[in-house]
Structure formats: structure tokens, C-alpha cells
Amino acid sequence: MSEPGAGEAARGSGPAQAGSGAGEPEAGVPGAGVPDGLRLLRWTMTTGSSGSARAAVVLASGDHEWEAAAEGAGAIGALFEAVDAALEEVLGGRVRLVSFDVHAIGETAGADALVELAVEPPATATGERASGRYAGTARDVNLVTACAEAYLGALRALLADGAWVGATEAAGNARLAELRARAERAGNRASLDESQADLGGSWFER
């Protein structure tokens, strides 16, 4: 199993690629029927002849969103790293990519790429969540998009497993609570600063 090089990922469109998720998963994609299933809202990719790449993703499930950026030695590796980083708080770790195959559907440079892969739960998972293998398949003329959708398909299948049901909601609510707490603390500090400023002014006037 080897990752396509940065030049292959670019598919002849220059040193940088950018794209967005393909919307709702297609019928037949693992996890496609999951209510409020995991969605790839958008992604960006920067790569060049040096072989290094940087990817950023925004993922969503229901009303919750997660985003992350990552660097890697290749375009696809950077993309998967970004997805893993975004979902680390949801899954309690990073899934293990155990198979990854890319096939060209045609004989021209513009042929579709068919990506088939499988993941297993994070090594940190315990109990019923620790086992299982989940497959994802996608086809697109853009290799990066096909890889992204296949990876998301596998992750949807994992999250549809009974052992993982509610993981995105729990992580999303925890994140929302944390953000609200930060906002409240910031508001309290602002109120305290204003109060101190008023006291200082009153003292000076006296």
C-alpha cells in the first residue's frame, strides 16, 4: 500500500488543489443512511514539486462542526491527517488505515479515480469500540476528492456502528459547552476590567 505522489494528486492542474465535499453521500456508500451523518463541508490543499503538502478540512455532523489542518509528505497523507486531527475528539484517537487502493477507470490522464479503502478503530478504543473494519469507496475525476469521500465513507460506516452511535453528538455538545464557558470567562474578565476602570476613575476624581 503506497500513497500517490503529490504530482499524481494534482492531476495536472498546477501546484495547488482546492475543492469541497460532494454534499450528501451517494447511495451504496457505507454509512450513507446515518441521520445527521458526517459530512465534509470543504477542504483545501496546497502542494508542489517538493513533495510536501498541507491540507485543511471542515467536517460537520448535525449542528456541530470540526476543523483542522495538517502537513504531510504527500497530498493524500496530509488530507487524511487533517481529517484525523479534526475528529480526534470525536473518536478519542485516530483511526488506522489498513487498506488503500486506487484504480484508474479509463486509459487517459482525465480518467476517473476509483478509491477503495478500509479503516479500523483507534488503538485507544476499548470495549465494543475496539474492533471492526469499515470500508469506504468513492469515484471522481479528482483523485483528492475521491480519496476524501472514500475516507469519509469509511468513517461514516464506523460511526454508524452501534458501539459508536452518539459519538459525534457527545463530542459536539462537549465542544459547545467548552466554547460557551470560554465566552463566559472572557465576558467576566471584560466586566471586571470595566469595574476596575470605573473604580480607578472615581478614585482619581476624588
N, C-alpha and C. Protein backbone atom coordinates (compact mmCIF):
# COMPACT_ATOMS: atom_id res chain seq x y z
N MET A 1 0.85 -1.19 0.00
CA MET A 1 0.00 0.00 0.00
C MET A 1 0.88 1.23 0.00
N SER A 2 0.72 2.07 -0.96
CA SER A 2 1.53 3.28 -1.04
C SER A 2 0.67 4.45 -1.42
N GLU A 3 1.09 5.62 -0.97
CA GLU A 3 0.30 6.82 -1.22
C GLU A 3 0.69 7.43 -2.55
N PRO A 4 -0.28 7.91 -3.34
CA PRO A 4 0.05 8.60 -4.58
C PRO A 4 0.91 9.81 -4.31
N GLY A 5 1.82 10.12 -5.18
CA GLY A 5 2.69 11.28 -5.00
C GLY A 5 1.95 12.57 -5.20
N ALA A 6 2.57 13.67 -4.81
CA ALA A 6 1.92 14.97 -4.91
C ALA A 6 1.57 15.30 -6.34
N GLY A 7 2.44 14.97 -7.28
CA GLY A 7 2.16 15.27 -8.68
C GLY A 7 0.95 14.51 -9.18
N GLU A 8 0.80 13.25 -8.75
CA GLU A 8 -0.35 12.47 -9.16
C GLU A 8 -1.62 13.03 -8.57
N ALA A 9 -1.53 13.50 -7.31
CA ALA A 9 -2.72 14.05 -6.66
C ALA A 9 -3.20 15.30 -7.36
N ALA A 10 -2.26 16.09 -7.89
CA ALA A 10 -2.66 17.33 -8.53
C ALA A 10 -3.37 17.10 -9.85
N ARG A 11 -3.18 15.95 -10.49
CA ARG A 11 -3.85 15.58 -11.73
C ARG A 11 -3.68 16.63 -12.82
N GLY A 12 -2.52 17.26 -12.86
CA GLY A 12 -2.21 18.16 -13.97
C GLY A 12 -2.83 19.53 -13.84
N SER A 13 -3.32 19.90 -12.64
CA SER A 13 -3.99 21.19 -12.50
C SER A 13 -3.13 22.21 -11.80
N GLY A 14 -1.80 22.02 -11.76
CA GLY A 14 -0.93 23.02 -11.16
C GLY A 14 -0.50 22.60 -9.78
N PRO A 15 0.24 23.46 -9.09
CA PRO A 15 0.83 23.08 -7.82
C PRO A 15 -0.13 23.09 -6.66
N ALA A 16 -1.33 23.60 -6.83
CA ALA A 16 -2.25 23.67 -5.70
C ALA A 16 -3.61 23.16 -6.13
N GLN A 17 -4.31 22.49 -5.19
CA GLN A 17 -5.65 21.99 -5.43
C GLN A 17 -6.57 22.54 -4.36
N ALA A 18 -7.80 22.81 -4.71
CA ALA A 18 -8.80 23.19 -3.71
C ALA A 18 -10.11 22.59 -4.14
N GLY A 19 -10.94 22.24 -3.18
CA GLY A 19 -12.22 21.65 -3.53
C GLY A 19 -13.15 21.65 -2.35
N SER A 20 -14.31 21.04 -2.53
CA SER A 20 -15.28 20.94 -1.45
C SER A 20 -15.90 19.57 -1.50
N GLY A 21 -16.52 19.18 -0.40
CA GLY A 21 -17.18 17.89 -0.34
C GLY A 21 -18.28 17.80 -1.36
N ALA A 22 -18.64 16.58 -1.68
CA ALA A 22 -19.64 16.35 -2.71
C ALA A 22 -21.05 16.36 -2.17
N GLY A 23 -21.27 16.96 -0.99
CA GLY A 23 -22.61 17.06 -0.45
C GLY A 23 -23.00 15.76 0.22
N GLU A 24 -24.28 15.35 0.06
CA GLU A 24 -24.77 14.16 0.70
C GLU A 24 -24.13 12.92 0.09
N PRO A 25 -23.83 11.92 0.91
CA PRO A 25 -23.21 10.71 0.39
C PRO A 25 -24.15 9.98 -0.57
N GLU A 26 -23.55 9.32 -1.57
CA GLU A 26 -24.34 8.62 -2.56
C GLU A 26 -24.86 7.31 -2.00
N ALA A 27 -25.93 6.81 -2.63
CA ALA A 27 -26.47 5.53 -2.24
C ALA A 27 -25.40 4.46 -2.44
N GLY A 28 -25.34 3.55 -1.49
CA GLY A 28 -24.35 2.48 -1.60
C GLY A 28 -23.06 2.79 -0.88
N VAL A 29 -22.86 4.03 -0.48
CA VAL A 29 -21.67 4.38 0.28
C VAL A 29 -21.91 4.01 1.74
N PRO A 30 -20.99 3.29 2.39
CA PRO A 30 -21.20 2.88 3.77
C PRO A 30 -21.53 4.07 4.66
N GLY A 31 -22.57 3.92 5.48
CA GLY A 31 -22.96 4.98 6.40
C GLY A 31 -23.80 6.05 5.77
N ALA A 32 -24.22 5.87 4.50
CA ALA A 32 -24.96 6.92 3.82
C ALA A 32 -26.32 7.18 4.43
N GLY A 33 -26.89 6.17 5.12
CA GLY A 33 -28.21 6.35 5.68
C GLY A 33 -28.21 6.85 7.11
N VAL A 34 -27.05 7.21 7.66
CA VAL A 34 -26.97 7.65 9.04
C VAL A 34 -27.59 9.03 9.19
N PRO A 35 -28.58 9.21 10.11
CA PRO A 35 -29.14 10.54 10.31
C PRO A 35 -28.05 11.50 10.77
N ASP A 36 -28.08 12.71 10.22
CA ASP A 36 -27.07 13.71 10.57
C ASP A 36 -25.66 13.15 10.42
N GLY A 37 -25.44 12.39 9.36
CA GLY A 37 -24.15 11.73 9.17
C GLY A 37 -23.03 12.72 8.95
N LEU A 38 -21.83 12.22 9.11
CA LEU A 38 -20.64 13.04 8.96
C LEU A 38 -20.53 13.56 7.53
N ARG A 39 -20.25 14.86 7.40
CA ARG A 39 -20.16 15.49 6.08
C ARG A 39 -18.85 16.27 5.98
N LEU A 40 -18.27 16.26 4.79
CA LEU A 40 -17.10 17.08 4.50
C LEU A 40 -17.60 18.36 3.86
N LEU A 41 -17.61 19.44 4.64
CA LEU A 41 -18.14 20.71 4.13
C LEU A 41 -17.20 21.32 3.09
N ARG A 42 -15.91 21.31 3.38
CA ARG A 42 -14.95 21.87 2.42
C ARG A 42 -13.54 21.44 2.80
N TRP A 43 -12.68 21.47 1.81
CA TRP A 43 -11.28 21.17 2.04
C TRP A 43 -10.42 22.02 1.12
N THR A 44 -9.20 22.22 1.52
CA THR A 44 -8.23 22.91 0.68
C THR A 44 -6.93 22.13 0.72
N MET A 45 -6.17 22.25 -0.35
CA MET A 45 -4.92 21.52 -0.45
C MET A 45 -3.87 22.39 -1.13
N THR A 46 -2.68 22.41 -0.59
CA THR A 46 -1.55 23.09 -1.21
C THR A 46 -0.40 22.10 -1.30
N THR A 47 0.13 21.93 -2.50
CA THR A 47 1.24 21.01 -2.68
C THR A 47 2.10 21.49 -3.84
N GLY A 48 3.26 20.92 -3.98
CA GLY A 48 4.16 21.36 -5.05
C GLY A 48 5.22 20.32 -5.33
N SER A 49 6.23 20.71 -6.09
CA SER A 49 7.25 19.77 -6.54
C SER A 49 8.13 19.25 -5.40
N SER A 50 8.13 19.93 -4.27
CA SER A 50 8.95 19.48 -3.14
C SER A 50 8.41 18.20 -2.52
N GLY A 51 7.13 17.90 -2.79
CA GLY A 51 6.53 16.69 -2.24
C GLY A 51 5.78 16.94 -0.95
N SER A 52 6.07 18.03 -0.25
CA SER A 52 5.34 18.33 0.98
C SER A 52 3.99 18.93 0.63
N ALA A 53 3.02 18.73 1.50
CA ALA A 53 1.67 19.22 1.24
C ALA A 53 1.03 19.66 2.55
N ARG A 54 0.05 20.54 2.43
CA ARG A 54 -0.71 20.99 3.58
C ARG A 54 -2.19 20.95 3.21
N ALA A 55 -2.97 20.37 4.10
CA ALA A 55 -4.42 20.23 3.86
C ALA A 55 -5.18 20.81 5.05
N ALA A 56 -6.36 21.34 4.76
CA ALA A 56 -7.27 21.83 5.80
C ALA A 56 -8.67 21.34 5.47
N VAL A 57 -9.42 20.94 6.50
CA VAL A 57 -10.76 20.42 6.28
C VAL A 57 -11.73 21.02 7.29
N VAL A 58 -13.01 21.05 6.91
CA VAL A 58 -14.10 21.39 7.82
C VAL A 58 -15.12 20.28 7.70
N LEU A 59 -15.38 19.60 8.81
CA LEU A 59 -16.33 18.49 8.85
C LEU A 59 -17.52 18.88 9.70
N ALA A 60 -18.67 18.25 9.45
CA ALA A 60 -19.87 18.56 10.20
C ALA A 60 -20.70 17.31 10.42
N SER A 61 -21.44 17.33 11.50
CA SER A 61 -22.44 16.30 11.78
C SER A 61 -23.55 16.97 12.56
N GLY A 62 -24.76 16.95 12.02
CA GLY A 62 -25.83 17.69 12.66
C GLY A 62 -25.51 19.17 12.70
N ASP A 63 -25.59 19.76 13.88
CA ASP A 63 -25.28 21.18 14.04
C ASP A 63 -23.84 21.43 14.47
N HIS A 64 -23.04 20.39 14.54
CA HIS A 64 -21.68 20.51 15.05
C HIS A 64 -20.67 20.50 13.91
N GLU A 65 -19.58 21.24 14.10
CA GLU A 65 -18.51 21.30 13.10
C GLU A 65 -17.16 21.11 13.78
N TRP A 66 -16.23 20.52 13.00
CA TRP A 66 -14.86 20.37 13.45
C TRP A 66 -13.95 20.74 12.29
N GLU A 67 -12.84 21.36 12.60
CA GLU A 67 -11.90 21.74 11.54
C GLU A 67 -10.48 21.52 12.02
N ALA A 68 -9.60 21.29 11.07
CA ALA A 68 -8.19 21.08 11.40
C ALA A 68 -7.36 21.22 10.14
N ALA A 69 -6.06 21.43 10.33
CA ALA A 69 -5.10 21.48 9.23
C ALA A 69 -3.94 20.57 9.59
N ALA A 70 -3.28 20.05 8.56
CA ALA A 70 -2.15 19.16 8.80
C ALA A 70 -1.20 19.21 7.62
N GLU A 71 0.05 18.84 7.88
CA GLU A 71 1.06 18.75 6.82
C GLU A 71 1.47 17.29 6.66
N GLY A 72 1.89 16.94 5.47
CA GLY A 72 2.33 15.57 5.23
C GLY A 72 3.30 15.51 4.07
N ALA A 73 3.91 14.34 3.89
CA ALA A 73 4.88 14.16 2.82
C ALA A 73 4.20 14.06 1.46
N GLY A 74 2.90 13.79 1.44
CA GLY A 74 2.15 13.70 0.19
C GLY A 74 0.77 14.31 0.36
N ALA A 75 0.12 14.59 -0.75
CA ALA A 75 -1.17 15.26 -0.72
C ALA A 75 -2.23 14.45 0.02
N ILE A 76 -2.33 13.16 -0.30
CA ILE A 76 -3.36 12.33 0.31
C ILE A 76 -3.07 12.11 1.79
N GLY A 77 -1.81 11.92 2.12
CA GLY A 77 -1.44 11.77 3.52
C GLY A 77 -1.80 12.99 4.34
N ALA A 78 -1.54 14.18 3.80
CA ALA A 78 -1.88 15.41 4.50
C ALA A 78 -3.39 15.54 4.68
N LEU A 79 -4.15 15.15 3.66
CA LEU A 79 -5.60 15.21 3.75
C LEU A 79 -6.13 14.29 4.84
N PHE A 80 -5.67 13.05 4.86
CA PHE A 80 -6.12 12.11 5.88
C PHE A 80 -5.70 12.57 7.28
N GLU A 81 -4.50 13.13 7.39
CA GLU A 81 -4.04 13.64 8.69
C GLU A 81 -4.96 14.77 9.19
N ALA A 82 -5.39 15.63 8.28
CA ALA A 82 -6.27 16.73 8.66
C ALA A 82 -7.62 16.21 9.14
N VAL A 83 -8.16 15.22 8.42
CA VAL A 83 -9.44 14.62 8.84
C VAL A 83 -9.28 13.96 10.20
N ASP A 84 -8.19 13.22 10.39
CA ASP A 84 -7.95 12.56 11.68
C ASP A 84 -7.85 13.57 12.81
N ALA A 85 -7.14 14.67 12.56
CA ALA A 85 -6.98 15.69 13.60
C ALA A 85 -8.32 16.33 13.94
N ALA A 86 -9.16 16.56 12.93
CA ALA A 86 -10.46 17.17 13.17
C ALA A 86 -11.36 16.27 14.01
N LEU A 87 -11.24 14.96 13.83
CA LEU A 87 -12.15 14.03 14.50
C LEU A 87 -11.55 13.37 15.74
N GLU A 88 -10.37 13.80 16.13
CA GLU A 88 -9.70 13.13 17.25
C GLU A 88 -10.53 13.21 18.53
N GLU A 89 -11.20 14.34 18.77
CA GLU A 89 -12.00 14.44 19.98
C GLU A 89 -13.30 13.64 19.87
N VAL A 90 -13.75 13.37 18.66
CA VAL A 90 -14.95 12.56 18.46
C VAL A 90 -14.64 11.09 18.71
N LEU A 91 -13.51 10.62 18.17
CA LEU A 91 -13.18 9.20 18.21
C LEU A 91 -12.26 8.83 19.37
N GLY A 92 -11.74 9.83 20.07
CA GLY A 92 -10.82 9.55 21.16
C GLY A 92 -9.48 9.05 20.68
N GLY A 93 -9.13 9.35 19.46
CA GLY A 93 -7.89 8.89 18.86
C GLY A 93 -8.01 8.97 17.35
N ARG A 94 -7.10 8.34 16.64
CA ARG A 94 -7.09 8.37 15.18
C ARG A 94 -7.27 6.97 14.62
N VAL A 95 -8.16 6.86 13.64
CA VAL A 95 -8.40 5.55 13.04
C VAL A 95 -7.14 5.05 12.35
N ARG A 96 -7.09 3.75 12.11
CA ARG A 96 -5.94 3.13 11.45
C ARG A 96 -6.35 2.75 10.02
N LEU A 97 -5.62 3.29 9.06
CA LEU A 97 -5.87 2.96 7.66
C LEU A 97 -5.20 1.62 7.38
N VAL A 98 -6.00 0.58 7.07
CA VAL A 98 -5.45 -0.76 6.92
C VAL A 98 -5.43 -1.24 5.47
N SER A 99 -6.14 -0.57 4.58
CA SER A 99 -6.03 -0.89 3.16
C SER A 99 -6.36 0.35 2.35
N PHE A 100 -5.71 0.49 1.20
CA PHE A 100 -5.87 1.70 0.38
C PHE A 100 -5.48 1.36 -1.05
N ASP A 101 -6.47 1.38 -1.94
CA ASP A 101 -6.23 1.05 -3.34
C ASP A 101 -6.84 2.10 -4.24
N VAL A 102 -6.10 2.48 -5.27
CA VAL A 102 -6.57 3.46 -6.25
C VAL A 102 -6.49 2.83 -7.63
N HIS A 103 -7.59 2.94 -8.39
CA HIS A 103 -7.64 2.39 -9.74
C HIS A 103 -8.09 3.49 -10.70
N ALA A 104 -7.47 3.55 -11.86
CA ALA A 104 -7.90 4.47 -12.91
C ALA A 104 -9.00 3.80 -13.73
N ILE A 105 -10.15 4.46 -13.86
CA ILE A 105 -11.25 3.92 -14.64
C ILE A 105 -11.16 4.52 -16.04
N GLY A 106 -10.27 3.98 -16.85
CA GLY A 106 -10.02 4.50 -18.18
C GLY A 106 -8.53 4.51 -18.48
N GLU A 107 -8.18 4.94 -19.68
CA GLU A 107 -6.79 4.89 -20.11
C GLU A 107 -6.23 6.27 -20.44
N THR A 108 -6.92 7.33 -20.03
CA THR A 108 -6.43 8.68 -20.31
C THR A 108 -6.09 9.37 -19.00
N ALA A 109 -5.38 10.48 -19.12
CA ALA A 109 -4.99 11.24 -17.93
C ALA A 109 -6.20 11.81 -17.20
N GLY A 110 -7.32 11.98 -17.92
CA GLY A 110 -8.52 12.53 -17.31
C GLY A 110 -9.49 11.48 -16.82
N ALA A 111 -9.04 10.23 -16.71
CA ALA A 111 -9.91 9.14 -16.27
C ALA A 111 -10.29 9.32 -14.80
N ASP A 112 -11.47 8.81 -14.46
CA ASP A 112 -11.90 8.83 -13.06
C ASP A 112 -10.96 7.96 -12.22
N ALA A 113 -10.84 8.34 -10.95
CA ALA A 113 -10.10 7.52 -9.99
C ALA A 113 -11.11 6.81 -9.10
N LEU A 114 -10.96 5.51 -8.97
CA LEU A 114 -11.78 4.73 -8.05
C LEU A 114 -10.93 4.40 -6.83
N VAL A 115 -11.38 4.85 -5.67
CA VAL A 115 -10.63 4.66 -4.43
C VAL A 115 -11.40 3.70 -3.53
N GLU A 116 -10.72 2.68 -3.06
CA GLU A 116 -11.29 1.72 -2.12
C GLU A 116 -10.34 1.61 -0.94
N LEU A 117 -10.87 1.78 0.25
CA LEU A 117 -10.02 1.72 1.44
C LEU A 117 -10.80 1.17 2.62
N ALA A 118 -10.09 0.91 3.69
CA ALA A 118 -10.72 0.43 4.92
C ALA A 118 -9.96 0.96 6.12
N VAL A 119 -10.69 1.20 7.19
CA VAL A 119 -10.09 1.68 8.43
C VAL A 119 -10.53 0.79 9.60
N GLU A 120 -9.75 0.83 10.65
CA GLU A 120 -10.10 0.17 11.89
C GLU A 120 -10.11 1.22 13.00
N PRO A 121 -10.81 0.96 14.12
CA PRO A 121 -10.90 1.95 15.20
C PRO A 121 -9.54 2.37 15.73
N PRO A 122 -9.49 3.50 16.41
CA PRO A 122 -8.22 3.95 17.01
C PRO A 122 -7.66 2.91 17.97
N ALA A 123 -6.35 2.88 18.10
CA ALA A 123 -5.71 1.95 19.03
C ALA A 123 -6.11 2.23 20.46
N THR A 124 -6.60 3.45 20.72
CA THR A 124 -7.01 3.84 22.07
C THR A 124 -8.43 3.38 22.40
N ALA A 125 -9.18 2.88 21.41
CA ALA A 125 -10.55 2.47 21.65
C ALA A 125 -10.59 1.23 22.55
N THR A 126 -11.64 1.12 23.36
CA THR A 126 -11.77 -0.02 24.27
C THR A 126 -13.16 -0.63 24.14
N GLY A 127 -13.31 -1.82 24.68
CA GLY A 127 -14.62 -2.48 24.70
C GLY A 127 -15.11 -2.78 23.29
N GLU A 128 -16.41 -2.58 23.09
CA GLU A 128 -17.03 -2.87 21.80
C GLU A 128 -16.50 -1.96 20.69
N ARG A 129 -15.95 -0.82 21.06
CA ARG A 129 -15.44 0.11 20.06
C ARG A 129 -14.07 -0.27 19.53
N ALA A 130 -13.44 -1.24 20.13
CA ALA A 130 -12.05 -1.55 19.79
C ALA A 130 -11.90 -2.43 18.56
N SER A 131 -12.98 -3.06 18.08
CA SER A 131 -12.86 -3.98 16.96
C SER A 131 -13.74 -3.54 15.79
N GLY A 132 -13.48 -4.14 14.63
CA GLY A 132 -14.27 -3.84 13.44
C GLY A 132 -13.40 -3.28 12.33
N ARG A 133 -13.85 -3.50 11.11
CA ARG A 133 -13.19 -2.94 9.94
C ARG A 133 -14.26 -2.31 9.07
N TYR A 134 -14.02 -1.08 8.61
CA TYR A 134 -15.05 -0.30 7.92
C TYR A 134 -14.51 0.19 6.58
N ALA A 135 -15.29 -0.08 5.52
CA ALA A 135 -14.84 0.21 4.17
C ALA A 135 -15.46 1.48 3.62
N GLY A 136 -14.73 2.12 2.72
CA GLY A 136 -15.24 3.30 2.03
C GLY A 136 -14.81 3.23 0.56
N THR A 137 -15.71 3.63 -0.32
CA THR A 137 -15.44 3.62 -1.76
C THR A 137 -15.95 4.91 -2.38
N ALA A 138 -15.19 5.48 -3.30
CA ALA A 138 -15.63 6.68 -4.00
C ALA A 138 -14.96 6.76 -5.35
N ARG A 139 -15.61 7.45 -6.27
CA ARG A 139 -15.09 7.62 -7.63
C ARG A 139 -15.24 9.08 -8.04
N ASP A 140 -14.17 9.65 -8.58
CA ASP A 140 -14.22 11.04 -9.01
C ASP A 140 -13.06 11.29 -9.96
N VAL A 141 -13.21 12.26 -10.85
CA VAL A 141 -12.12 12.62 -11.76
C VAL A 141 -10.98 13.27 -10.99
N ASN A 142 -11.29 13.88 -9.84
CA ASN A 142 -10.29 14.49 -8.97
C ASN A 142 -9.87 13.45 -7.93
N LEU A 143 -8.62 13.04 -7.96
CA LEU A 143 -8.13 12.00 -7.06
C LEU A 143 -8.27 12.38 -5.60
N VAL A 144 -7.97 13.63 -5.26
CA VAL A 144 -8.07 14.07 -3.87
C VAL A 144 -9.52 13.98 -3.38
N THR A 145 -10.46 14.42 -4.20
CA THR A 145 -11.87 14.34 -3.84
C THR A 145 -12.29 12.89 -3.63
N ALA A 146 -11.87 12.01 -4.54
CA ALA A 146 -12.22 10.60 -4.41
C ALA A 146 -11.67 10.01 -3.11
N CYS A 147 -10.43 10.36 -2.77
CA CYS A 147 -9.84 9.87 -1.52
C CYS A 147 -10.57 10.42 -0.31
N ALA A 148 -10.91 11.70 -0.35
CA ALA A 148 -11.63 12.32 0.77
C ALA A 148 -12.98 11.65 0.99
N GLU A 149 -13.73 11.43 -0.11
CA GLU A 149 -15.06 10.84 0.03
C GLU A 149 -14.99 9.38 0.46
N ALA A 150 -13.99 8.65 -0.02
CA ALA A 150 -13.83 7.26 0.41
C ALA A 150 -13.50 7.19 1.90
N TYR A 151 -12.62 8.08 2.35
CA TYR A 151 -12.24 8.11 3.77
C TYR A 151 -13.44 8.47 4.62
N LEU A 152 -14.21 9.46 4.18
CA LEU A 152 -15.41 9.84 4.93
C LEU A 152 -16.43 8.71 4.92
N GLY A 153 -16.52 7.98 3.81
CA GLY A 153 -17.44 6.85 3.76
C GLY A 153 -17.09 5.81 4.81
N ALA A 154 -15.80 5.51 4.96
CA ALA A 154 -15.37 4.55 5.97
C ALA A 154 -15.66 5.06 7.37
N LEU A 155 -15.44 6.35 7.59
CA LEU A 155 -15.70 6.93 8.91
C LEU A 155 -17.19 6.95 9.22
N ARG A 156 -18.01 7.21 8.21
CA ARG A 156 -19.47 7.14 8.42
C ARG A 156 -19.89 5.73 8.83
N ALA A 157 -19.30 4.74 8.17
CA ALA A 157 -19.63 3.35 8.49
C ALA A 157 -19.24 3.04 9.93
N LEU A 158 -18.08 3.52 10.37
CA LEU A 158 -17.65 3.31 11.76
C LEU A 158 -18.63 3.97 12.73
N LEU A 159 -18.98 5.22 12.45
CA LEU A 159 -19.86 5.95 13.36
C LEU A 159 -21.29 5.42 13.35
N ALA A 160 -21.65 4.66 12.29
CA ALA A 160 -22.97 4.05 12.24
C ALA A 160 -23.04 2.76 13.05
N ASP A 161 -21.87 2.23 13.41
CA ASP A 161 -21.82 1.04 14.25
C ASP A 161 -22.47 1.36 15.60
N GLY A 162 -23.24 0.41 16.12
CA GLY A 162 -23.95 0.65 17.38
C GLY A 162 -23.06 1.11 18.51
N ALA A 163 -21.82 0.62 18.53
CA ALA A 163 -20.91 0.99 19.61
C ALA A 163 -20.52 2.46 19.56
N TRP A 164 -20.62 3.07 18.37
CA TRP A 164 -20.18 4.45 18.19
C TRP A 164 -21.33 5.44 18.07
N VAL A 165 -22.56 4.95 18.09
CA VAL A 165 -23.71 5.84 17.94
C VAL A 165 -23.68 6.91 19.03
N GLY A 166 -23.86 8.18 18.63
CA GLY A 166 -23.87 9.29 19.57
C GLY A 166 -22.52 9.93 19.80
N ALA A 167 -21.46 9.38 19.19
CA ALA A 167 -20.11 9.91 19.42
C ALA A 167 -19.97 11.34 18.92
N THR A 168 -20.51 11.63 17.73
CA THR A 168 -20.39 12.99 17.19
C THR A 168 -21.21 13.97 18.01
N GLU A 169 -22.39 13.55 18.44
CA GLU A 169 -23.25 14.44 19.23
C GLU A 169 -22.60 14.74 20.58
N ALA A 170 -22.07 13.71 21.21
CA ALA A 170 -21.43 13.91 22.52
C ALA A 170 -20.24 14.84 22.42
N ALA A 171 -19.39 14.62 21.40
CA ALA A 171 -18.21 15.47 21.23
C ALA A 171 -18.61 16.88 20.86
N GLY A 172 -19.64 17.01 20.02
CA GLY A 172 -20.11 18.34 19.61
C GLY A 172 -20.66 19.12 20.78
N ASN A 173 -21.44 18.46 21.63
CA ASN A 173 -22.01 19.15 22.79
C ASN A 173 -20.92 19.53 23.79
N ALA A 174 -19.93 18.65 23.95
CA ALA A 174 -18.82 18.96 24.86
C ALA A 174 -18.05 20.17 24.34
N ARG A 175 -17.83 20.22 23.04
CA ARG A 175 -17.11 21.34 22.44
C ARG A 175 -17.90 22.63 22.59
N LEU A 176 -19.23 22.54 22.37
CA LEU A 176 -20.08 23.71 22.51
C LEU A 176 -20.06 24.24 23.94
N ALA A 177 -20.12 23.31 24.90
CA ALA A 177 -20.06 23.72 26.30
C ALA A 177 -18.75 24.41 26.63
N GLU A 178 -17.65 23.89 26.07
CA GLU A 178 -16.34 24.50 26.29
C GLU A 178 -16.28 25.90 25.70
N LEU A 179 -16.80 26.06 24.49
CA LEU A 179 -16.79 27.38 23.85
C LEU A 179 -17.63 28.38 24.63
N ARG A 180 -18.78 27.93 25.13
CA ARG A 180 -19.63 28.82 25.93
C ARG A 180 -18.94 29.22 27.23
N ALA A 181 -18.24 28.25 27.84
CA ALA A 181 -17.52 28.55 29.08
C ALA A 181 -16.41 29.57 28.82
N ARG A 182 -15.70 29.42 27.70
CA ARG A 182 -14.66 30.39 27.36
C ARG A 182 -15.24 31.77 27.14
N ALA A 183 -16.38 31.83 26.43
CA ALA A 183 -17.02 33.11 26.18
C ALA A 183 -17.47 33.76 27.47
N GLU A 184 -17.99 32.93 28.40
CA GLU A 184 -18.43 33.47 29.68
C GLU A 184 -17.26 34.00 30.48
N ARG A 185 -16.13 33.24 30.46
CA ARG A 185 -14.95 33.71 31.19
C ARG A 185 -14.43 35.01 30.59
N ALA A 186 -14.44 35.08 29.24
CA ALA A 186 -13.99 36.30 28.59
C ALA A 186 -14.90 37.47 28.94
N GLY A 187 -16.22 37.21 29.02
CA GLY A 187 -17.17 38.25 29.39
C GLY A 187 -16.97 38.72 30.82
N ASN A 188 -16.68 37.76 31.71
CA ASN A 188 -16.44 38.11 33.11
C ASN A 188 -15.19 38.97 33.25
N ARG A 189 -14.14 38.62 32.48
CA ARG A 189 -12.92 39.42 32.54
C ARG A 189 -13.16 40.83 32.03
N ALA A 190 -13.98 40.94 30.97
CA ALA A 190 -14.29 42.26 30.44
C ALA A 190 -15.07 43.08 31.46
N SER A 191 -16.03 42.42 32.16
CA SER A 191 -16.82 43.13 33.17
C SER A 191 -15.93 43.58 34.32
N LEU A 192 -15.00 42.71 34.72
CA LEU A 192 -14.09 43.04 35.80
C LEU A 192 -13.20 44.21 35.41
N ASP A 193 -12.69 44.21 34.19
CA ASP A 193 -11.85 45.30 33.72
C ASP A 193 -12.61 46.62 33.74
N GLU A 194 -13.87 46.59 33.29
CA GLU A 194 -14.68 47.81 33.29
C GLU A 194 -14.92 48.31 34.71
N SER A 195 -15.18 47.36 35.62
CA SER A 195 -15.42 47.73 37.00
C SER A 195 -14.18 48.38 37.61
N GLN A 196 -13.03 47.79 37.34
CA GLN A 196 -11.78 48.35 37.87
C GLN A 196 -11.51 49.72 37.28
N ALA A 197 -11.82 49.87 36.00
CA ALA A 197 -11.60 51.17 35.36
C ALA A 197 -12.49 52.23 35.99
N ASP A 198 -13.74 51.87 36.31
CA ASP A 198 -14.66 52.83 36.91
C ASP A 198 -14.18 53.22 38.31
N LEU A 199 -13.72 52.20 39.07
CA LEU A 199 -13.23 52.50 40.42
C LEU A 199 -12.03 53.42 40.35
N GLY A 200 -11.16 53.14 39.40
CA GLY A 200 -9.96 53.99 39.28
C GLY A 200 -10.35 55.41 38.94
N GLY A 201 -11.31 55.58 38.06
CA GLY A 201 -11.73 56.92 37.67
C GLY A 201 -12.35 57.66 38.83
N SER A 202 -13.19 56.97 39.62
CA SER A 202 -13.84 57.60 40.77
C SER A 202 -12.80 58.03 41.80
N TRP A 203 -11.83 57.14 42.02
CA TRP A 203 -10.77 57.47 42.99
C TRP A 203 -9.99 58.69 42.53
N PHE A 204 -9.69 58.78 41.23
CA PHE A 204 -8.91 59.90 40.72
C PHE A 204 -9.69 61.20 40.86
N GLU A 205 -11.02 61.13 40.62
CA GLU A 205 -11.83 62.34 40.73
C GLU A 205 -11.91 62.84 42.15
N ARG A 206 -11.83 61.87 43.11
CA ARG A 206 -11.84 62.30 44.50
C ARG A 206 -10.52 62.97 44.86
